[in-house]
Amino acid sequence: MHMSLAKEQSPPAAEIGLRQFQPGDAAAFRRLNEEWITRFFRIEPKEEPVLADPQATILDKGGRIFFATAGERCVGCCALVRIRDKEFEVAKMAVEPSYQNAGIGRRLLHAAIEEGRNAGAQRLYLETNHVLKPAIRLYESVGFKHIDPNRVVPSAYARADVYMELIFV
């Protein structure tokens, strides 16, 4: 009885590694993002090229992609997409359901923030949806502030209805 209970709990975050994108990671990036997107929403046309070729759409344009790993398996990801000089978007953050609530999303987000700061960013931006309350609480807890939707260039994503930014001083 006790053994089955232990299996259902998330693994300790200490057993989870963090690393940047490596060749061959595109399939894991697609899998992790399709899982959460299709659970809550649907894949939108703008997303397809990003999920199909993160190397060309994110990395080759000056962005970064971070993975959380359990052994060889990628169990979470977060992208830092270069918008313009000194500005990045935090995007495509996902953690496999069985690994959620173990602090993995927070570690991925911290890695993205640190990398943005090291890359000279003055601002990090993100778009999300009001139904993703745990994600919004996480963003707020690390310092992201809400932006009035009227101040935002309309998103390419139909599901985006919450906009946040983190300004580096």
C-alpha atoms as a PDB file:
ATOM      1  CA  MET A   1       0.000   0.000   0.000  1.00  0.00           C
ATOM      2  CA  HIS A   2       2.672   2.502   1.004  1.00  0.00           C
ATOM      3  CA  MET A   3       4.666   1.748  -2.177  1.00  0.00           C
ATOM      4  CA  SER A   4       1.800   2.590  -4.538  1.00  0.00           C
ATOM      5  CA  LEU A   5       1.274   5.880  -2.731  1.00  0.00           C
ATOM      6  CA  ALA A   6       4.917   6.840  -3.208  1.00  0.00           C
ATOM      7  CA  LYS A   7       4.676   6.179  -6.943  1.00  0.00           C
ATOM      8  CA  GLU A   8       1.853   8.678  -7.361  1.00  0.00           C
ATOM      9  CA  GLN A   9       3.792  11.537  -5.813  1.00  0.00           C
ATOM     10  CA  SER A  10       5.950  13.849  -7.875  1.00  0.00           C
ATOM     11  CA  PRO A  11       9.666  13.085  -7.759  1.00  0.00           C
ATOM     12  CA  PRO A  12      11.783  15.440  -5.662  1.00  0.00           C
ATOM     13  CA  ALA A  13      13.017  18.378  -7.717  1.00  0.00           C
ATOM     14  CA  ALA A  14      16.595  17.494  -6.700  1.00  0.00           C
ATOM     15  CA  GLU A  15      16.445  14.431  -8.969  1.00  0.00           C
ATOM     16  CA  ILE A  16      15.563  16.652 -11.899  1.00  0.00           C
ATOM     17  CA  GLY A  17      18.337  18.019 -14.094  1.00  0.00           C
ATOM     18  CA  LEU A  18      18.186  21.292 -16.056  1.00  0.00           C
ATOM     19  CA  ARG A  19      19.899  21.806 -19.380  1.00  0.00           C
ATOM     20  CA  GLN A  20      19.632  23.783 -22.585  1.00  0.00           C
ATOM     21  CA  PHE A  21      18.308  22.449 -25.895  1.00  0.00           C
ATOM     22  CA  GLN A  22      20.435  19.810 -27.610  1.00  0.00           C
ATOM     23  CA  PRO A  23      20.151  18.316 -31.099  1.00  0.00           C
ATOM     24  CA  GLY A  24      17.353  15.758 -31.039  1.00  0.00           C
ATOM     25  CA  ASP A  25      15.259  17.646 -28.450  1.00  0.00           C
ATOM     26  CA  ALA A  26      12.687  18.967 -30.942  1.00  0.00           C
ATOM     27  CA  ALA A  27      10.412  15.927 -30.527  1.00  0.00           C
ATOM     28  CA  ALA A  28      10.348  16.316 -26.729  1.00  0.00           C
ATOM     29  CA  PHE A  29       9.643  20.050 -27.100  1.00  0.00           C
ATOM     30  CA  ARG A  30       6.649  19.260 -29.339  1.00  0.00           C
ATOM     31  CA  ARG A  31       5.385  16.443 -27.093  1.00  0.00           C
ATOM     32  CA  LEU A  32       5.530  18.486 -23.888  1.00  0.00           C
ATOM     33  CA  ASN A  33       3.781  21.490 -25.424  1.00  0.00           C
ATOM     34  CA  GLU A  34       1.141  19.567 -27.377  1.00  0.00           C
ATOM     35  CA  GLU A  35       0.178  17.750 -24.172  1.00  0.00           C
ATOM     36  CA  TRP A  36      -0.756  20.863 -22.192  1.00  0.00           C
ATOM     37  CA  ILE A  37      -2.044  22.916 -25.116  1.00  0.00           C
ATOM     38  CA  THR A  38      -4.474  20.236 -26.287  1.00  0.00           C
ATOM     39  CA  ARG A  39      -5.570  19.533 -22.688  1.00  0.00           C
ATOM     40  CA  PHE A  40      -6.773  23.142 -22.266  1.00  0.00           C
ATOM     41  CA  PHE A  41      -6.988  24.651 -25.760  1.00  0.00           C
ATOM     42  CA  ARG A  42      -6.072  23.704 -29.305  1.00  0.00           C
ATOM     43  CA  ILE A  43      -2.920  24.019 -31.379  1.00  0.00           C
ATOM     44  CA  GLU A  44      -3.129  27.319 -33.252  1.00  0.00           C
ATOM     45  CA  PRO A  45      -1.709  27.946 -36.741  1.00  0.00           C
ATOM     46  CA  LYS A  46       0.998  30.297 -35.430  1.00  0.00           C
ATOM     47  CA  GLU A  47       2.262  27.493 -33.194  1.00  0.00           C
ATOM     48  CA  GLU A  48       2.846  24.834 -35.801  1.00  0.00           C
ATOM     49  CA  PRO A  49       6.177  26.186 -37.171  1.00  0.00           C
ATOM     50  CA  VAL A  50       7.477  26.696 -33.615  1.00  0.00           C
ATOM     51  CA  LEU A  51       6.573  23.144 -32.560  1.00  0.00           C
ATOM     52  CA  ALA A  52       7.852  21.701 -35.841  1.00  0.00           C
ATOM     53  CA  ASP A  53      11.211  23.496 -35.851  1.00  0.00           C
ATOM     54  CA  PRO A  54      12.233  25.176 -32.593  1.00  0.00           C
ATOM     55  CA  GLN A  55      15.807  25.389 -33.892  1.00  0.00           C
ATOM     56  CA  ALA A  56      14.843  27.748 -36.738  1.00  0.00           C
ATOM     57  CA  THR A  57      12.012  29.623 -35.014  1.00  0.00           C
ATOM     58  CA  ILE A  58      13.540  30.169 -31.549  1.00  0.00           C
ATOM     59  CA  LEU A  59      17.215  29.235 -31.271  1.00  0.00           C
ATOM     60  CA  ASP A  60      18.508  30.589 -34.593  1.00  0.00           C
ATOM     61  CA  LYS A  61      16.856  33.951 -33.760  1.00  0.00           C
ATOM     62  CA  GLY A  62      18.760  34.350 -30.502  1.00  0.00           C
ATOM     63  CA  GLY A  63      16.405  32.509 -28.163  1.00  0.00           C
ATOM     64  CA  ARG A  64      17.002  29.653 -25.739  1.00  0.00           C
ATOM     65  CA  ILE A  65      15.103  26.544 -24.726  1.00  0.00           C
ATOM     66  CA  PHE A  66      15.550  24.905 -21.334  1.00  0.00           C
ATOM     67  CA  PHE A  67      14.618  21.345 -20.408  1.00  0.00           C
ATOM     68  CA  ALA A  68      14.018  19.641 -17.094  1.00  0.00           C
ATOM     69  CA  THR A  69      15.177  16.040 -17.287  1.00  0.00           C
ATOM     70  CA  ALA A  70      14.546  12.907 -15.261  1.00  0.00           C
ATOM     71  CA  GLY A  71      17.306  10.574 -16.356  1.00  0.00           C
ATOM     72  CA  GLU A  72      17.268  10.756 -20.167  1.00  0.00           C
ATOM     73  CA  ARG A  73      13.622  11.849 -20.378  1.00  0.00           C
ATOM     74  CA  CYS A  74      12.642  15.487 -20.896  1.00  0.00           C
ATOM     75  CA  VAL A  75       9.832  16.152 -18.416  1.00  0.00           C
ATOM     76  CA  GLY A  76       9.547  19.926 -18.732  1.00  0.00           C
ATOM     77  CA  CYS A  77      10.559  22.821 -20.946  1.00  0.00           C
ATOM     78  CA  CYS A  78      10.550  26.596 -21.169  1.00  0.00           C
ATOM     79  CA  ALA A  79      11.556  28.826 -24.062  1.00  0.00           C
ATOM     80  CA  LEU A  80      13.024  32.289 -24.073  1.00  0.00           C
ATOM     81  CA  VAL A  81      12.068  33.817 -27.434  1.00  0.00           C
ATOM     82  CA  ARG A  82      13.969  36.898 -28.605  1.00  0.00           C
ATOM     83  CA  ILE A  83      11.444  39.632 -29.457  1.00  0.00           C
ATOM     84  CA  ARG A  84      13.974  42.400 -30.122  1.00  0.00           C
ATOM     85  CA  ASP A  85      17.215  43.674 -28.672  1.00  0.00           C
ATOM     86  CA  LYS A  86      17.022  43.572 -24.848  1.00  0.00           C
ATOM     87  CA  GLU A  87      13.575  41.944 -24.879  1.00  0.00           C
ATOM     88  CA  PHE A  88      12.522  38.291 -24.671  1.00  0.00           C
ATOM     89  CA  GLU A  89       9.245  36.438 -24.332  1.00  0.00           C
ATOM     90  CA  VAL A  90       8.928  33.560 -21.871  1.00  0.00           C
ATOM     91  CA  ALA A  91       6.947  30.968 -23.822  1.00  0.00           C
ATOM     92  CA  LYS A  92       6.139  27.304 -24.279  1.00  0.00           C
ATOM     93  CA  MET A  93       6.499  26.411 -20.627  1.00  0.00           C
ATOM     94  CA  ALA A  94       5.340  22.875 -19.903  1.00  0.00           C
ATOM     95  CA  VAL A  95       5.816  20.206 -17.248  1.00  0.00           C
ATOM     96  CA  GLU A  96       4.530  16.652 -17.668  1.00  0.00           C
ATOM     97  CA  PRO A  97       1.452  16.145 -15.475  1.00  0.00           C
ATOM     98  CA  SER A  98       3.077  13.381 -13.403  1.00  0.00           C
ATOM     99  CA  TYR A  99       5.973  15.746 -12.578  1.00  0.00           C
ATOM    100  CA  GLN A 100       3.904  18.812 -11.679  1.00  0.00           C
ATOM    101  CA  ASN A 101       3.860  20.355  -8.201  1.00  0.00           C
ATOM    102  CA  ALA A 102       7.511  19.467  -7.577  1.00  0.00           C
ATOM    103  CA  GLY A 103       8.965  22.938  -8.254  1.00  0.00           C
ATOM    104  CA  ILE A 104      10.134  22.065 -11.773  1.00  0.00           C
ATOM    105  CA  GLY A 105       8.243  24.897 -13.490  1.00  0.00           C
ATOM    106  CA  ARG A 106       9.745  27.342 -10.988  1.00  0.00           C
ATOM    107  CA  ARG A 107      13.271  26.057 -11.702  1.00  0.00           C
ATOM    108  CA  LEU A 108      12.716  26.337 -15.465  1.00  0.00           C
ATOM    109  CA  LEU A 109      11.332  29.855 -15.066  1.00  0.00           C
ATOM    110  CA  HIS A 110      14.272  30.908 -12.876  1.00  0.00           C
ATOM    111  CA  ALA A 111      16.685  29.535 -15.504  1.00  0.00           C
ATOM    112  CA  ALA A 112      14.914  31.541 -18.227  1.00  0.00           C
ATOM    113  CA  ILE A 113      14.933  34.728 -16.143  1.00  0.00           C
ATOM    114  CA  GLU A 114      18.627  34.316 -15.304  1.00  0.00           C
ATOM    115  CA  GLU A 115      19.512  33.653 -18.939  1.00  0.00           C
ATOM    116  CA  GLY A 116      17.477  36.673 -20.044  1.00  0.00           C
ATOM    117  CA  ARG A 117      19.287  38.851 -17.537  1.00  0.00           C
ATOM    118  CA  ASN A 118      22.682  37.471 -18.648  1.00  0.00           C
ATOM    119  CA  ALA A 119      21.752  38.129 -22.290  1.00  0.00           C
ATOM    120  CA  GLY A 120      21.226  41.810 -21.459  1.00  0.00           C
ATOM    121  CA  ALA A 121      17.424  41.776 -21.441  1.00  0.00           C
ATOM    122  CA  GLN A 122      15.701  44.780 -19.913  1.00  0.00           C
ATOM    123  CA  ARG A 123      12.259  43.203 -20.156  1.00  0.00           C
ATOM    124  CA  LEU A 124      10.717  39.746 -20.203  1.00  0.00           C
ATOM    125  CA  TYR A 125       7.167  39.431 -21.515  1.00  0.00           C
ATOM    126  CA  LEU A 126       4.665  36.597 -21.459  1.00  0.00           C
ATOM    127  CA  GLU A 127       1.141  35.784 -22.527  1.00  0.00           C
ATOM    128  CA  THR A 128      -1.081  33.228 -20.864  1.00  0.00           C
ATOM    129  CA  ASN A 129      -4.722  32.422 -20.232  1.00  0.00           C
ATOM    130  CA  HIS A 130      -6.784  33.122 -17.123  1.00  0.00           C
ATOM    131  CA  VAL A 131      -7.663  29.409 -16.701  1.00  0.00           C
ATOM    132  CA  LEU A 132      -3.985  28.589 -16.041  1.00  0.00           C
ATOM    133  CA  LYS A 133      -4.121  29.860 -12.463  1.00  0.00           C
ATOM    134  CA  PRO A 134      -1.135  27.904 -11.065  1.00  0.00           C
ATOM    135  CA  ALA A 135       1.046  29.302 -13.877  1.00  0.00           C
ATOM    136  CA  ILE A 136      -0.150  32.856 -13.220  1.00  0.00           C
ATOM    137  CA  ARG A 137       0.574  32.489  -9.493  1.00  0.00           C
ATOM    138  CA  LEU A 138       4.067  31.212 -10.342  1.00  0.00           C
ATOM    139  CA  TYR A 139       4.749  34.184 -12.648  1.00  0.00           C
ATOM    140  CA  GLU A 140       3.501  36.623 -10.001  1.00  0.00           C
ATOM    141  CA  SER A 141       5.639  34.982  -7.317  1.00  0.00           C
ATOM    142  CA  VAL A 142       8.867  35.625  -9.257  1.00  0.00           C
ATOM    143  CA  GLY A 143       8.015  39.268  -9.964  1.00  0.00           C
ATOM    144  CA  PHE A 144       6.019  39.359 -13.191  1.00  0.00           C
ATOM    145  CA  LYS A 145       3.446  42.173 -13.175  1.00  0.00           C
ATOM    146  CA  HIS A 146       0.153  42.239 -15.058  1.00  0.00           C
ATOM    147  CA  ILE A 147      -0.117  44.546 -18.067  1.00  0.00           C
ATOM    148  CA  ASP A 148      -3.375  46.224 -19.025  1.00  0.00           C
ATOM    149  CA  PRO A 149      -4.563  44.325 -22.149  1.00  0.00           C
ATOM    150  CA  ASN A 150      -5.268  47.688 -23.829  1.00  0.00           C
ATOM    151  CA  ARG A 151      -1.526  48.454 -23.683  1.00  0.00           C
ATOM    152  CA  VAL A 152      -0.568  45.261 -25.499  1.00  0.00           C
ATOM    153  CA  VAL A 153      -0.162  44.603 -29.207  1.00  0.00           C
ATOM    154  CA  PRO A 154      -2.937  42.047 -29.869  1.00  0.00           C
ATOM    155  CA  SER A 155      -1.579  38.535 -29.529  1.00  0.00           C
ATOM    156  CA  ALA A 156      -1.280  36.127 -32.415  1.00  0.00           C
ATOM    157  CA  TYR A 157      -2.793  33.538 -30.057  1.00  0.00           C
ATOM    158  CA  ALA A 158      -6.577  33.460 -29.637  1.00  0.00           C
ATOM    159  CA  ARG A 159      -6.185  31.902 -26.176  1.00  0.00           C
ATOM    160  CA  ALA A 160      -4.000  34.725 -24.783  1.00  0.00           C
ATOM    161  CA  ASP A 161      -5.958  36.951 -22.385  1.00  0.00           C
ATOM    162  CA  VAL A 162      -3.423  37.594 -19.603  1.00  0.00           C
ATOM    163  CA  TYR A 163      -0.270  39.616 -20.299  1.00  0.00           C
ATOM    164  CA  MET A 164       2.635  40.053 -17.915  1.00  0.00           C
ATOM    165  CA  GLU A 165       6.112  41.542 -17.854  1.00  0.00           C
ATOM    166  CA  LEU A 166       9.222  41.503 -15.712  1.00  0.00           C
ATOM    167  CA  ILE A 167      11.361  44.634 -15.964  1.00  0.00           C
ATOM    168  CA  PHE A 168      15.045  44.387 -15.016  1.00  0.00           C
ATOM    169  CA  VAL A 169      16.282  47.524 -13.326  1.00  0.00           C
END
